[in-house]
């Protein structure tokens, strides 16, 4: 199968475009929803399944089949039927990646019925873009290619997700969510939707306290607070958080913590290097808007904090710390640990950082 080269931001743009078309009730005869990230596939399938037909119509004109239990010929026959007492019939194929002979659907996608809306949910991978099946879907219908986000893309997506629902979210709450839930946007969206239901009426901003109360992530003992304690040289606070992590290792994986610390010091290294270029080479120090692009940050709050923290660290020490991070990244994966627990390794790493 052809590997997708699409980026997460392209997926988001495709998703928004399709949503706008659905809002205007402009439907395509075929929807091929495919790719690694299931959130957008599920969200569009759910919207099509609940909005195209009314509740009474769905009983007669909507059918869902599963790839593992179906054949291409059976699906084509369903699509060629005429709707009963309505304008459309909706045929949903879930788990289409398990449909044997999916290429045979090209017999239908090259000339789909205007009275049928076929929704093909093809998760985990993409279909071959050279195939007649794909080309038929692209030419005569709508294709969504769903790519997973990278770590640095989560914050921007989260901010937009909350804005679309009439809310904002503060930077610490953003960091708590992304550190704890990673890049699993289906899980993040689910947790945020549950949180929004429980917020008091009139709430306009999601805070770290809301995250702690409703999602169960501590606002005092998390990677955001640990990184802040380390880069501001608050050793007592950092070791206190490390002790909490040691008592709750499942909620605070060492590898995730090391990645968070590495990201912080990498940003400090970049800012200090740009300052060195400005002082010694006469190159102008970039404005905040340019720093946002270089550091892949979504607002100036993060930029101002990084600049403040960078002033506390000499880049020779930062370079040594980045080396420590690589060493302990390997240890977090079980290499040369000497039998030490994750909690012991984290405490050891922090002490080495503070003693540099």
C-alpha atoms as a PDB file:
ATOM      1  CA  UNK A   1       0.000   0.000   0.000  1.00  0.00           C
ATOM      2  CA  UNK A   2       1.156   3.544  -0.674  1.00  0.00           C
ATOM      3  CA  UNK A   3       2.487   5.329   2.384  1.00  0.00           C
ATOM      4  CA  UNK A   4       0.751   8.589   3.222  1.00  0.00           C
ATOM      5  CA  UNK A   5       2.847  11.759   3.215  1.00  0.00           C
ATOM      6  CA  UNK A   6       0.021  13.970   4.433  1.00  0.00           C
ATOM      7  CA  UNK A   7       0.601  16.108   7.502  1.00  0.00           C
ATOM      8  CA  UNK A   8      -1.681  16.443  10.517  1.00  0.00           C
ATOM      9  CA  UNK A   9      -2.497  20.070   9.710  1.00  0.00           C
ATOM     10  CA  UNK A  10      -3.625  18.972   6.238  1.00  0.00           C
ATOM     11  CA  UNK A  11      -5.920  16.407   7.846  1.00  0.00           C
ATOM     12  CA  UNK A  12      -7.409  19.094  10.094  1.00  0.00           C
ATOM     13  CA  UNK A  13      -8.009  21.343   7.062  1.00  0.00           C
ATOM     14  CA  UNK A  14      -9.680  18.481   5.155  1.00  0.00           C
ATOM     15  CA  UNK A  15     -11.816  17.652   8.182  1.00  0.00           C
ATOM     16  CA  UNK A  16     -12.985  21.254   8.590  1.00  0.00           C
ATOM     17  CA  UNK A  17     -13.785  21.534   4.873  1.00  0.00           C
ATOM     18  CA  UNK A  18     -15.878  18.360   4.921  1.00  0.00           C
ATOM     19  CA  UNK A  19     -17.661  19.477   8.090  1.00  0.00           C
ATOM     20  CA  UNK A  20     -18.576  22.780   6.434  1.00  0.00           C
ATOM     21  CA  UNK A  21     -19.973  20.909   3.437  1.00  0.00           C
ATOM     22  CA  UNK A  22     -22.045  18.676   5.710  1.00  0.00           C
ATOM     23  CA  UNK A  23     -23.309  21.712   7.620  1.00  0.00           C
ATOM     24  CA  UNK A  24     -24.536  23.108   4.279  1.00  0.00           C
ATOM     25  CA  UNK A  25     -26.040  19.676   3.501  1.00  0.00           C
ATOM     26  CA  UNK A  26     -23.843  19.237   0.443  1.00  0.00           C
ATOM     27  CA  UNK A  27     -23.257  15.498   0.324  1.00  0.00           C
ATOM     28  CA  UNK A  28     -20.878  13.462  -1.807  1.00  0.00           C
ATOM     29  CA  UNK A  29     -21.988  10.055  -3.134  1.00  0.00           C
ATOM     30  CA  UNK A  30     -18.843   8.390  -1.690  1.00  0.00           C
ATOM     31  CA  UNK A  31     -16.771   9.165   1.418  1.00  0.00           C
ATOM     32  CA  UNK A  32     -13.456   7.360   1.776  1.00  0.00           C
ATOM     33  CA  UNK A  33     -12.255   8.040   5.331  1.00  0.00           C
ATOM     34  CA  UNK A  34      -8.844   6.460   5.739  1.00  0.00           C
ATOM     35  CA  UNK A  35      -5.599   6.675   7.699  1.00  0.00           C
ATOM     36  CA  UNK A  36      -3.789   6.134  10.974  1.00  0.00           C
ATOM     37  CA  UNK A  37      -5.733   8.580  13.178  1.00  0.00           C
ATOM     38  CA  UNK A  38      -9.178   7.200  13.965  1.00  0.00           C
ATOM     39  CA  UNK A  39     -10.628  10.332  15.622  1.00  0.00           C
ATOM     40  CA  UNK A  40     -11.490  12.199  12.413  1.00  0.00           C
ATOM     41  CA  UNK A  41     -12.768   9.044  10.723  1.00  0.00           C
ATOM     42  CA  UNK A  42     -15.111   8.258  13.615  1.00  0.00           C
ATOM     43  CA  UNK A  43     -16.265  11.870  13.976  1.00  0.00           C
ATOM     44  CA  UNK A  44     -17.230  12.258  10.309  1.00  0.00           C
ATOM     45  CA  UNK A  45     -18.832   8.818  10.149  1.00  0.00           C
ATOM     46  CA  UNK A  46     -20.922   9.623  13.237  1.00  0.00           C
ATOM     47  CA  UNK A  47     -22.039  12.944  11.788  1.00  0.00           C
ATOM     48  CA  UNK A  48     -23.032  11.414   8.468  1.00  0.00           C
ATOM     49  CA  UNK A  49     -24.799   8.546  10.222  1.00  0.00           C
ATOM     50  CA  UNK A  50     -26.913  10.866  12.373  1.00  0.00           C
ATOM     51  CA  UNK A  51     -27.523  13.929  10.176  1.00  0.00           C
ATOM     52  CA  UNK A  52     -28.164  12.821   6.594  1.00  0.00           C
ATOM     53  CA  UNK A  53     -31.384  10.970   7.390  1.00  0.00           C
ATOM     54  CA  UNK A  54     -34.020  11.625  10.005  1.00  0.00           C
ATOM     55  CA  UNK A  55     -34.600   9.075  12.733  1.00  0.00           C
ATOM     56  CA  UNK A  56     -37.624   7.527  10.987  1.00  0.00           C
ATOM     57  CA  UNK A  57     -35.812   7.367   7.608  1.00  0.00           C
ATOM     58  CA  UNK A  58     -32.784   5.592   9.113  1.00  0.00           C
ATOM     59  CA  UNK A  59     -34.889   2.531   9.895  1.00  0.00           C
ATOM     60  CA  UNK A  60     -35.503   1.981   6.143  1.00  0.00           C
ATOM     61  CA  UNK A  61     -32.648   3.689   4.334  1.00  0.00           C
ATOM     62  CA  UNK A  62     -29.487   3.244   6.435  1.00  0.00           C
ATOM     63  CA  UNK A  63     -27.443   0.101   6.802  1.00  0.00           C
ATOM     64  CA  UNK A  64     -24.084  -0.594   8.467  1.00  0.00           C
ATOM     65  CA  UNK A  65     -21.868  -3.504   7.465  1.00  0.00           C
ATOM     66  CA  UNK A  66     -18.411  -4.594   8.631  1.00  0.00           C
ATOM     67  CA  UNK A  67     -15.505  -5.364   6.344  1.00  0.00           C
ATOM     68  CA  UNK A  68     -14.638  -8.673   7.981  1.00  0.00           C
ATOM     69  CA  UNK A  69     -18.166 -10.008   7.446  1.00  0.00           C
ATOM     70  CA  UNK A  70     -18.823  -8.571   3.983  1.00  0.00           C
ATOM     71  CA  UNK A  71     -17.920  -8.909   0.323  1.00  0.00           C
ATOM     72  CA  UNK A  72     -17.437  -6.162  -2.245  1.00  0.00           C
ATOM     73  CA  UNK A  73     -20.233  -7.519  -4.436  1.00  0.00           C
ATOM     74  CA  UNK A  74     -22.686  -7.459  -1.524  1.00  0.00           C
ATOM     75  CA  UNK A  75     -21.823  -3.815  -0.775  1.00  0.00           C
ATOM     76  CA  UNK A  76     -22.207  -2.821  -4.425  1.00  0.00           C
ATOM     77  CA  UNK A  77     -25.660  -4.429  -4.558  1.00  0.00           C
ATOM     78  CA  UNK A  78     -26.710  -2.530  -1.434  1.00  0.00           C
ATOM     79  CA  UNK A  79     -25.497   0.753  -2.940  1.00  0.00           C
ATOM     80  CA  UNK A  80     -27.430   0.201  -6.165  1.00  0.00           C
ATOM     81  CA  UNK A  81     -30.756  -0.179  -4.376  1.00  0.00           C
ATOM     82  CA  UNK A  82     -33.164   2.757  -4.435  1.00  0.00           C
ATOM     83  CA  UNK A  83     -34.127   4.501  -1.186  1.00  0.00           C
ATOM     84  CA  UNK A  84     -37.597   3.882   0.240  1.00  0.00           C
ATOM     85  CA  UNK A  85     -39.677   7.045   0.584  1.00  0.00           C
ATOM     86  CA  UNK A  86     -36.698   9.369   0.743  1.00  0.00           C
ATOM     87  CA  UNK A  87     -33.995  11.172  -1.234  1.00  0.00           C
ATOM     88  CA  UNK A  88     -31.034   9.120  -0.021  1.00  0.00           C
ATOM     89  CA  UNK A  89     -29.983   5.814   1.362  1.00  0.00           C
ATOM     90  CA  UNK A  90     -26.817   5.620   3.502  1.00  0.00           C
ATOM     91  CA  UNK A  91     -24.496   2.610   3.415  1.00  0.00           C
ATOM     92  CA  UNK A  92     -21.709   2.561   6.038  1.00  0.00           C
ATOM     93  CA  UNK A  93     -18.779   0.175   5.753  1.00  0.00           C
ATOM     94  CA  UNK A  94     -16.882  -0.018   9.047  1.00  0.00           C
ATOM     95  CA  UNK A  95     -13.491  -1.690   9.431  1.00  0.00           C
ATOM     96  CA  UNK A  96     -13.112  -1.561   5.648  1.00  0.00           C
ATOM     97  CA  UNK A  97      -9.404  -2.395   6.003  1.00  0.00           C
ATOM     98  CA  UNK A  98     -10.577  -5.962   6.711  1.00  0.00           C
ATOM     99  CA  UNK A  99     -12.698  -6.188   3.545  1.00  0.00           C
ATOM    100  CA  UNK A 100     -11.216  -8.775   1.204  1.00  0.00           C
ATOM    101  CA  UNK A 101     -11.144  -7.666  -2.420  1.00  0.00           C
ATOM    102  CA  UNK A 102     -11.805  -4.023  -1.567  1.00  0.00           C
ATOM    103  CA  UNK A 103     -10.451  -3.099  -5.013  1.00  0.00           C
ATOM    104  CA  UNK A 104     -13.610  -4.553  -6.548  1.00  0.00           C
ATOM    105  CA  UNK A 105     -15.531  -1.608  -5.110  1.00  0.00           C
ATOM    106  CA  UNK A 106     -14.015   0.364  -7.991  1.00  0.00           C
ATOM    107  CA  UNK A 107     -16.827  -1.084 -10.111  1.00  0.00           C
ATOM    108  CA  UNK A 108     -19.118   1.119  -8.043  1.00  0.00           C
ATOM    109  CA  UNK A 109     -16.935   4.127  -7.091  1.00  0.00           C
ATOM    110  CA  UNK A 110     -16.190   4.893 -10.749  1.00  0.00           C
ATOM    111  CA  UNK A 111     -19.916   5.512 -11.288  1.00  0.00           C
ATOM    112  CA  UNK A 112     -21.724   5.838  -7.936  1.00  0.00           C
ATOM    113  CA  UNK A 113     -25.488   6.212  -7.589  1.00  0.00           C
ATOM    114  CA  UNK A 114     -26.638   9.782  -6.844  1.00  0.00           C
ATOM    115  CA  UNK A 115     -29.290   8.331  -4.498  1.00  0.00           C
ATOM    116  CA  UNK A 116     -26.764   6.547  -2.252  1.00  0.00           C
ATOM    117  CA  UNK A 117     -24.191   7.919   0.185  1.00  0.00           C
ATOM    118  CA  UNK A 118     -21.482   5.302   0.692  1.00  0.00           C
ATOM    119  CA  UNK A 119     -19.210   5.832   3.728  1.00  0.00           C
ATOM    120  CA  UNK A 120     -16.057   3.705   3.822  1.00  0.00           C
ATOM    121  CA  UNK A 121     -14.153   3.746   7.139  1.00  0.00           C
ATOM    122  CA  UNK A 122     -10.674   2.408   6.429  1.00  0.00           C
ATOM    123  CA  UNK A 123      -8.573   2.703   9.604  1.00  0.00           C
ATOM    124  CA  UNK A 124      -4.949   1.963  10.499  1.00  0.00           C
ATOM    125  CA  UNK A 125      -3.600   2.554   6.992  1.00  0.00           C
ATOM    126  CA  UNK A 126      -4.396   4.139   3.647  1.00  0.00           C
ATOM    127  CA  UNK A 127      -5.519   2.463   0.432  1.00  0.00           C
ATOM    128  CA  UNK A 128      -3.295   2.330  -2.627  1.00  0.00           C
ATOM    129  CA  UNK A 129      -3.633   5.701  -4.342  1.00  0.00           C
ATOM    130  CA  UNK A 130      -2.706   4.151  -7.671  1.00  0.00           C
ATOM    131  CA  UNK A 131      -5.742   1.855  -7.579  1.00  0.00           C
ATOM    132  CA  UNK A 132      -8.930   2.317  -9.583  1.00  0.00           C
ATOM    133  CA  UNK A 133     -10.846   2.120  -6.291  1.00  0.00           C
ATOM    134  CA  UNK A 134      -9.042   5.132  -4.801  1.00  0.00           C
ATOM    135  CA  UNK A 135      -9.155   7.105  -8.040  1.00  0.00           C
ATOM    136  CA  UNK A 136     -12.911   6.523  -8.280  1.00  0.00           C
ATOM    137  CA  UNK A 137     -13.426   7.767  -4.712  1.00  0.00           C
ATOM    138  CA  UNK A 138     -11.255  10.842  -5.315  1.00  0.00           C
ATOM    139  CA  UNK A 139     -12.861  11.715  -8.652  1.00  0.00           C
ATOM    140  CA  UNK A 140     -16.493  11.099  -7.737  1.00  0.00           C
ATOM    141  CA  UNK A 141     -16.582  11.544  -3.982  1.00  0.00           C
ATOM    142  CA  UNK A 142     -14.656  12.905  -0.993  1.00  0.00           C
ATOM    143  CA  UNK A 143     -11.481  11.515   0.542  1.00  0.00           C
ATOM    144  CA  UNK A 144     -10.222  12.228   4.064  1.00  0.00           C
ATOM    145  CA  UNK A 145      -6.668  11.105   4.761  1.00  0.00           C
ATOM    146  CA  UNK A 146      -6.254  11.056   8.535  1.00  0.00           C
ATOM    147  CA  UNK A 147      -2.682  11.478   9.807  1.00  0.00           C
ATOM    148  CA  UNK A 148      -1.578  11.287  13.429  1.00  0.00           C
ATOM    149  CA  UNK A 149      -0.253  14.474  15.039  1.00  0.00           C
ATOM    150  CA  UNK A 150       3.291  15.032  16.168  1.00  0.00           C
ATOM    151  CA  UNK A 151       3.908  16.108  19.765  1.00  0.00           C
ATOM    152  CA  UNK A 152       4.320  19.780  18.862  1.00  0.00           C
ATOM    153  CA  UNK A 153       1.027  19.856  16.934  1.00  0.00           C
ATOM    154  CA  UNK A 154      -1.178  18.783  19.849  1.00  0.00           C
ATOM    155  CA  UNK A 155      -1.276  22.134  21.666  1.00  0.00           C
ATOM    156  CA  UNK A 156      -2.520  24.086  18.625  1.00  0.00           C
ATOM    157  CA  UNK A 157      -5.179  21.460  17.934  1.00  0.00           C
ATOM    158  CA  UNK A 158      -6.314  21.476  21.577  1.00  0.00           C
ATOM    159  CA  UNK A 159      -6.660  25.241  21.577  1.00  0.00           C
ATOM    160  CA  UNK A 160      -8.776  25.145  18.418  1.00  0.00           C
ATOM    161  CA  UNK A 161     -10.851  22.240  19.765  1.00  0.00           C
ATOM    162  CA  UNK A 162     -11.778  24.249  22.884  1.00  0.00           C
ATOM    163  CA  UNK A 163     -12.327  27.491  20.919  1.00  0.00           C
ATOM    164  CA  UNK A 164     -14.792  25.714  18.647  1.00  0.00           C
ATOM    165  CA  UNK A 165     -16.795  24.946  21.787  1.00  0.00           C
ATOM    166  CA  UNK A 166     -16.751  28.521  23.084  1.00  0.00           C
ATOM    167  CA  UNK A 167     -13.947  28.033  25.620  1.00  0.00           C
ATOM    168  CA  UNK A 168     -10.276  28.818  26.087  1.00  0.00           C
ATOM    169  CA  UNK A 169      -7.713  26.711  27.949  1.00  0.00           C
ATOM    170  CA  UNK A 170      -4.762  28.010  29.954  1.00  0.00           C
ATOM    171  CA  UNK A 171      -1.173  26.981  29.120  1.00  0.00           C
ATOM    172  CA  UNK A 172      -0.651  24.820  32.208  1.00  0.00           C
ATOM    173  CA  UNK A 173      -3.870  22.893  31.565  1.00  0.00           C
ATOM    174  CA  UNK A 174      -2.726  22.372  27.962  1.00  0.00           C
ATOM    175  CA  UNK A 175       0.599  20.983  29.119  1.00  0.00           C
ATOM    176  CA  UNK A 176      -1.040  18.693  31.684  1.00  0.00           C
ATOM    177  CA  UNK A 177      -3.311  17.182  29.038  1.00  0.00           C
ATOM    178  CA  UNK A 178      -0.659  16.715  26.371  1.00  0.00           C
ATOM    179  CA  UNK A 179       1.898  15.266  28.813  1.00  0.00           C
ATOM    180  CA  UNK A 180      -0.593  12.857  30.363  1.00  0.00           C
ATOM    181  CA  UNK A 181      -2.511  11.758  27.257  1.00  0.00           C
ATOM    182  CA  UNK A 182       0.204  12.106  24.599  1.00  0.00           C
ATOM    183  CA  UNK A 183      -0.937  12.375  20.978  1.00  0.00           C
ATOM    184  CA  UNK A 184      -4.045  10.221  21.336  1.00  0.00           C
ATOM    185  CA  UNK A 185      -6.504  12.894  20.235  1.00  0.00           C
ATOM    186  CA  UNK A 186      -9.488  10.542  20.434  1.00  0.00           C
ATOM    187  CA  UNK A 187      -8.759  10.075  24.138  1.00  0.00           C
ATOM    188  CA  UNK A 188      -8.042  13.778  24.650  1.00  0.00           C
ATOM    189  CA  UNK A 189     -11.288  14.774  22.908  1.00  0.00           C
ATOM    190  CA  UNK A 190     -13.267  12.262  24.948  1.00  0.00           C
ATOM    191  CA  UNK A 191     -11.809  13.526  28.231  1.00  0.00           C
ATOM    192  CA  UNK A 192     -12.390  17.167  27.279  1.00  0.00           C
ATOM    193  CA  UNK A 193     -15.979  16.530  26.223  1.00  0.00           C
ATOM    194  CA  UNK A 194     -16.701  14.863  29.573  1.00  0.00           C
ATOM    195  CA  UNK A 195     -15.029  17.778  31.355  1.00  0.00           C
ATOM    196  CA  UNK A 196     -17.062  20.388  29.444  1.00  0.00           C
ATOM    197  CA  UNK A 197     -20.307  18.718  30.477  1.00  0.00           C
ATOM    198  CA  UNK A 198     -19.319  18.965  34.136  1.00  0.00           C
ATOM    199  CA  UNK A 199     -18.138  22.599  34.074  1.00  0.00           C
ATOM    200  CA  UNK A 200     -20.382  25.173  35.811  1.00  0.00           C
ATOM    201  CA  UNK A 201     -22.689  27.103  33.501  1.00  0.00           C
ATOM    202  CA  UNK A 202     -21.028  30.228  32.156  1.00  0.00           C
ATOM    203  CA  UNK A 203     -17.476  28.878  32.354  1.00  0.00           C
ATOM    204  CA  UNK A 204     -15.286  30.456  29.682  1.00  0.00           C
ATOM    205  CA  UNK A 205     -11.830  29.072  30.513  1.00  0.00           C
ATOM    206  CA  UNK A 206     -10.519  25.599  31.367  1.00  0.00           C
ATOM    207  CA  UNK A 207      -7.865  25.748  34.089  1.00  0.00           C
ATOM    208  CA  UNK A 208      -5.410  23.328  35.669  1.00  0.00           C
ATOM    209  CA  UNK A 209      -7.829  22.985  38.600  1.00  0.00           C
ATOM    210  CA  UNK A 210     -10.554  21.823  36.183  1.00  0.00           C
ATOM    211  CA  UNK A 211      -8.182  19.221  34.722  1.00  0.00           C
ATOM    212  CA  UNK A 212      -7.284  17.933  38.187  1.00  0.00           C
ATOM    213  CA  UNK A 213     -10.897  17.784  39.395  1.00  0.00           C
ATOM    214  CA  UNK A 214     -12.407  16.183  36.305  1.00  0.00           C
ATOM    215  CA  UNK A 215      -9.654  14.195  34.599  1.00  0.00           C
ATOM    216  CA  UNK A 216      -7.603  13.196  37.622  1.00  0.00           C
ATOM    217  CA  UNK A 217      -4.256  14.736  36.637  1.00  0.00           C
ATOM    218  CA  UNK A 218      -2.579  16.426  39.595  1.00  0.00           C
ATOM    219  CA  UNK A 219      -2.084  20.165  39.075  1.00  0.00           C
ATOM    220  CA  UNK A 220       0.855  20.176  41.465  1.00  0.00           C
ATOM    221  CA  UNK A 221       2.656  16.958  40.537  1.00  0.00           C
ATOM    222  CA  UNK A 222       3.025  16.711  36.755  1.00  0.00           C
ATOM    223  CA  UNK A 223       5.676  17.137  34.070  1.00  0.00           C
ATOM    224  CA  UNK A 224       4.793  20.805  33.541  1.00  0.00           C
ATOM    225  CA  UNK A 225       5.553  21.556  37.205  1.00  0.00           C
ATOM    226  CA  UNK A 226       8.663  19.342  37.218  1.00  0.00           C
ATOM    227  CA  UNK A 227      10.130  21.072  34.148  1.00  0.00           C
ATOM    228  CA  UNK A 228       9.363  24.465  35.654  1.00  0.00           C
ATOM    229  CA  UNK A 229      11.086  23.499  38.927  1.00  0.00           C
ATOM    230  CA  UNK A 230      14.174  22.228  37.097  1.00  0.00           C
ATOM    231  CA  UNK A 231      14.642  25.155  34.713  1.00  0.00           C
ATOM    232  CA  UNK A 232      14.124  27.664  37.585  1.00  0.00           C
ATOM    233  CA  UNK A 233      16.654  25.694  39.684  1.00  0.00           C
ATOM    234  CA  UNK A 234      14.188  24.816  42.436  1.00  0.00           C
ATOM    235  CA  UNK A 235      15.835  21.551  43.494  1.00  0.00           C
ATOM    236  CA  UNK A 236      13.618  20.901  46.533  1.00  0.00           C
ATOM    237  CA  UNK A 237      10.454  21.255  44.485  1.00  0.00           C
ATOM    238  CA  UNK A 238      11.812  19.100  41.667  1.00  0.00           C
ATOM    239  CA  UNK A 239      12.820  16.283  44.046  1.00  0.00           C
ATOM    240  CA  UNK A 240       9.426  16.464  45.783  1.00  0.00           C
ATOM    241  CA  UNK A 241       7.674  15.968  42.444  1.00  0.00           C
ATOM    242  CA  UNK A 242      10.101  13.155  41.568  1.00  0.00           C
ATOM    243  CA  UNK A 243       9.183  11.391  44.840  1.00  0.00           C
ATOM    244  CA  UNK A 244       5.492  11.653  43.911  1.00  0.00           C
ATOM    245  CA  UNK A 245       6.265  10.182  40.461  1.00  0.00           C
ATOM    246  CA  UNK A 246       8.167   7.310  42.122  1.00  0.00           C
ATOM    247  CA  UNK A 247       5.074   6.456  44.187  1.00  0.00           C
ATOM    248  CA  UNK A 248       2.825   6.618  41.099  1.00  0.00           C
ATOM    249  CA  UNK A 249       4.948   5.185  38.263  1.00  0.00           C
ATOM    250  CA  UNK A 250       2.018   4.105  36.061  1.00  0.00           C
ATOM    251  CA  UNK A 251       0.661   7.646  35.937  1.00  0.00           C
ATOM    252  CA  UNK A 252       4.094   9.174  35.361  1.00  0.00           C
ATOM    253  CA  UNK A 253       6.196   7.099  32.936  1.00  0.00           C
ATOM    254  CA  UNK A 254       9.902   7.938  33.108  1.00  0.00           C
ATOM    255  CA  UNK A 255      10.262   8.084  29.321  1.00  0.00           C
ATOM    256  CA  UNK A 256       7.539  10.751  29.031  1.00  0.00           C
ATOM    257  CA  UNK A 257       9.180  12.805  31.790  1.00  0.00           C
ATOM    258  CA  UNK A 258      12.586  12.623  30.101  1.00  0.00           C
ATOM    259  CA  UNK A 259      11.049  13.678  26.780  1.00  0.00           C
ATOM    260  CA  UNK A 260       9.450  16.692  28.508  1.00  0.00           C
ATOM    261  CA  UNK A 261      12.739  17.724  30.131  1.00  0.00           C
ATOM    262  CA  UNK A 262      14.643  17.201  26.879  1.00  0.00           C
ATOM    263  CA  UNK A 263      12.158  19.417  25.043  1.00  0.00           C
ATOM    264  CA  UNK A 264      12.567  22.196  27.614  1.00  0.00           C
ATOM    265  CA  UNK A 265      16.360  22.203  27.479  1.00  0.00           C
ATOM    266  CA  UNK A 266      16.439  21.895  23.699  1.00  0.00           C
ATOM    267  CA  UNK A 267      14.365  25.092  23.505  1.00  0.00           C
ATOM    268  CA  UNK A 268      16.686  26.816  25.994  1.00  0.00           C
ATOM    269  CA  UNK A 269      19.694  25.758  23.911  1.00  0.00           C
ATOM    270  CA  UNK A 270      18.151  27.232  20.752  1.00  0.00           C
ATOM    271  CA  UNK A 271      17.291  30.566  22.415  1.00  0.00           C
ATOM    272  CA  UNK A 272      20.767  30.871  23.960  1.00  0.00           C
ATOM    273  CA  UNK A 273      22.402  30.086  20.618  1.00  0.00           C
ATOM    274  CA  UNK A 274      20.316  32.777  18.915  1.00  0.00           C
ATOM    275  CA  UNK A 275      21.386  35.226  21.652  1.00  0.00           C
ATOM    276  CA  UNK A 276      25.029  34.256  21.056  1.00  0.00           C
ATOM    277  CA  UNK A 277      24.631  34.915  17.336  1.00  0.00           C
ATOM    278  CA  UNK A 278      23.119  38.300  18.161  1.00  0.00           C
ATOM    279  CA  UNK A 279      25.956  39.292  20.539  1.00  0.00           C
ATOM    280  CA  UNK A 280      28.937  37.886  18.627  1.00  0.00           C
ATOM    281  CA  UNK A 281      27.876  37.782  14.984  1.00  0.00           C
ATOM    282  CA  UNK A 282      25.665  40.818  14.759  1.00  0.00           C
ATOM    283  CA  UNK A 283      22.614  38.839  13.684  1.00  0.00           C
ATOM    284  CA  UNK A 284      19.360  40.368  14.977  1.00  0.00           C
ATOM    285  CA  UNK A 285      17.637  38.344  17.689  1.00  0.00           C
ATOM    286  CA  UNK A 286      14.336  37.039  16.239  1.00  0.00           C
ATOM    287  CA  UNK A 287      11.064  38.701  17.282  1.00  0.00           C
ATOM    288  CA  UNK A 288       8.529  36.613  19.218  1.00  0.00           C
ATOM    289  CA  UNK A 289       6.542  35.769  16.093  1.00  0.00           C
ATOM    290  CA  UNK A 290       9.652  34.264  14.487  1.00  0.00           C
ATOM    291  CA  UNK A 291      10.571  32.445  17.712  1.00  0.00           C
ATOM    292  CA  UNK A 292       7.094  30.925  17.742  1.00  0.00           C
ATOM    293  CA  UNK A 293       7.811  29.465  14.306  1.00  0.00           C
ATOM    294  CA  UNK A 294      11.325  28.276  15.202  1.00  0.00           C
ATOM    295  CA  UNK A 295      10.265  26.666  18.493  1.00  0.00           C
ATOM    296  CA  UNK A 296       6.884  25.503  17.179  1.00  0.00           C
ATOM    297  CA  UNK A 297       4.916  27.259  19.893  1.00  0.00           C
ATOM    298  CA  UNK A 298       1.376  28.520  19.557  1.00  0.00           C
ATOM    299  CA  UNK A 299       1.489  31.706  21.641  1.00  0.00           C
ATOM    300  CA  UNK A 300       3.819  34.269  23.201  1.00  0.00           C
ATOM    301  CA  UNK A 301       3.207  33.024  26.772  1.00  0.00           C
ATOM    302  CA  UNK A 302       5.433  30.027  26.069  1.00  0.00           C
ATOM    303  CA  UNK A 303       8.023  32.198  24.289  1.00  0.00           C
ATOM    304  CA  UNK A 304       8.355  34.626  27.204  1.00  0.00           C
ATOM    305  CA  UNK A 305       8.827  31.782  29.685  1.00  0.00           C
ATOM    306  CA  UNK A 306      11.492  30.100  27.543  1.00  0.00           C
ATOM    307  CA  UNK A 307      13.430  33.373  27.212  1.00  0.00           C
ATOM    308  CA  UNK A 308      13.312  33.903  30.986  1.00  0.00           C
ATOM    309  CA  UNK A 309      14.459  30.357  31.702  1.00  0.00           C
ATOM    310  CA  UNK A 310      17.216  30.480  29.075  1.00  0.00           C
ATOM    311  CA  UNK A 311      18.811  33.431  30.870  1.00  0.00           C
ATOM    312  CA  UNK A 312      19.436  31.146  33.878  1.00  0.00           C
ATOM    313  CA  UNK A 313      21.443  28.554  31.942  1.00  0.00           C
ATOM    314  CA  UNK A 314      24.816  28.609  30.203  1.00  0.00           C
ATOM    315  CA  UNK A 315      24.713  26.650  26.966  1.00  0.00           C
ATOM    316  CA  UNK A 316      27.757  24.589  27.906  1.00  0.00           C
ATOM    317  CA  UNK A 317      25.752  23.208  30.821  1.00  0.00           C
ATOM    318  CA  UNK A 318      22.663  22.816  28.641  1.00  0.00           C
ATOM    319  CA  UNK A 319      24.688  20.762  26.162  1.00  0.00           C
ATOM    320  CA  UNK A 320      25.863  18.495  28.990  1.00  0.00           C
ATOM    321  CA  UNK A 321      22.245  18.143  30.219  1.00  0.00           C
ATOM    322  CA  UNK A 322      21.065  17.116  26.763  1.00  0.00           C
ATOM    323  CA  UNK A 323      23.738  14.413  26.865  1.00  0.00           C
ATOM    324  CA  UNK A 324      22.383  13.242  30.238  1.00  0.00           C
ATOM    325  CA  UNK A 325      18.902  13.100  28.723  1.00  0.00           C
ATOM    326  CA  UNK A 326      20.104  10.768  25.982  1.00  0.00           C
ATOM    327  CA  UNK A 327      21.789   8.544  28.584  1.00  0.00           C
ATOM    328  CA  UNK A 328      18.682   8.334  30.746  1.00  0.00           C
ATOM    329  CA  UNK A 329      16.421   7.910  27.743  1.00  0.00           C
ATOM    330  CA  UNK A 330      18.290   4.643  27.125  1.00  0.00           C
ATOM    331  CA  UNK A 331      18.008   3.716  30.803  1.00  0.00           C
ATOM    332  CA  UNK A 332      14.252   4.379  30.750  1.00  0.00           C
ATOM    333  CA  UNK A 333      14.090   1.677  28.076  1.00  0.00           C
ATOM    334  CA  UNK A 334      15.921  -0.823  30.295  1.00  0.00           C
ATOM    335  CA  UNK A 335      19.538  -0.333  29.166  1.00  0.00           C
ATOM    336  CA  UNK A 336      22.295  -0.265  31.831  1.00  0.00           C
ATOM    337  CA  UNK A 337      19.953   0.540  34.712  1.00  0.00           C
ATOM    338  CA  UNK A 338      21.871  -1.504  37.296  1.00  0.00           C
ATOM    339  CA  UNK A 339      18.552  -2.669  38.713  1.00  0.00           C
ATOM    340  CA  UNK A 340      17.446   0.868  39.645  1.00  0.00           C
ATOM    341  CA  UNK A 341      13.721   1.668  39.562  1.00  0.00           C
ATOM    342  CA  UNK A 342      12.315   4.463  37.389  1.00  0.00           C
ATOM    343  CA  UNK A 343      11.894   6.628  40.473  1.00  0.00           C
ATOM    344  CA  UNK A 344      15.544   6.134  41.444  1.00  0.00           C
ATOM    345  CA  UNK A 345      16.687   6.881  37.904  1.00  0.00           C
ATOM    346  CA  UNK A 346      14.700  10.132  37.801  1.00  0.00           C
ATOM    347  CA  UNK A 347      16.072  11.291  41.149  1.00  0.00           C
ATOM    348  CA  UNK A 348      19.601  10.422  39.982  1.00  0.00           C
ATOM    349  CA  UNK A 349      19.107  12.378  36.745  1.00  0.00           C
ATOM    350  CA  UNK A 350      17.786  15.454  38.558  1.00  0.00           C
ATOM    351  CA  UNK A 351      20.672  15.496  41.037  1.00  0.00           C
ATOM    352  CA  UNK A 352      23.172  15.306  38.156  1.00  0.00           C
ATOM    353  CA  UNK A 353      21.442  18.244  36.458  1.00  0.00           C
ATOM    354  CA  UNK A 354      21.497  20.402  39.584  1.00  0.00           C
ATOM    355  CA  UNK A 355      25.120  19.544  40.367  1.00  0.00           C
ATOM    356  CA  UNK A 356      26.445  20.569  36.945  1.00  0.00           C
END
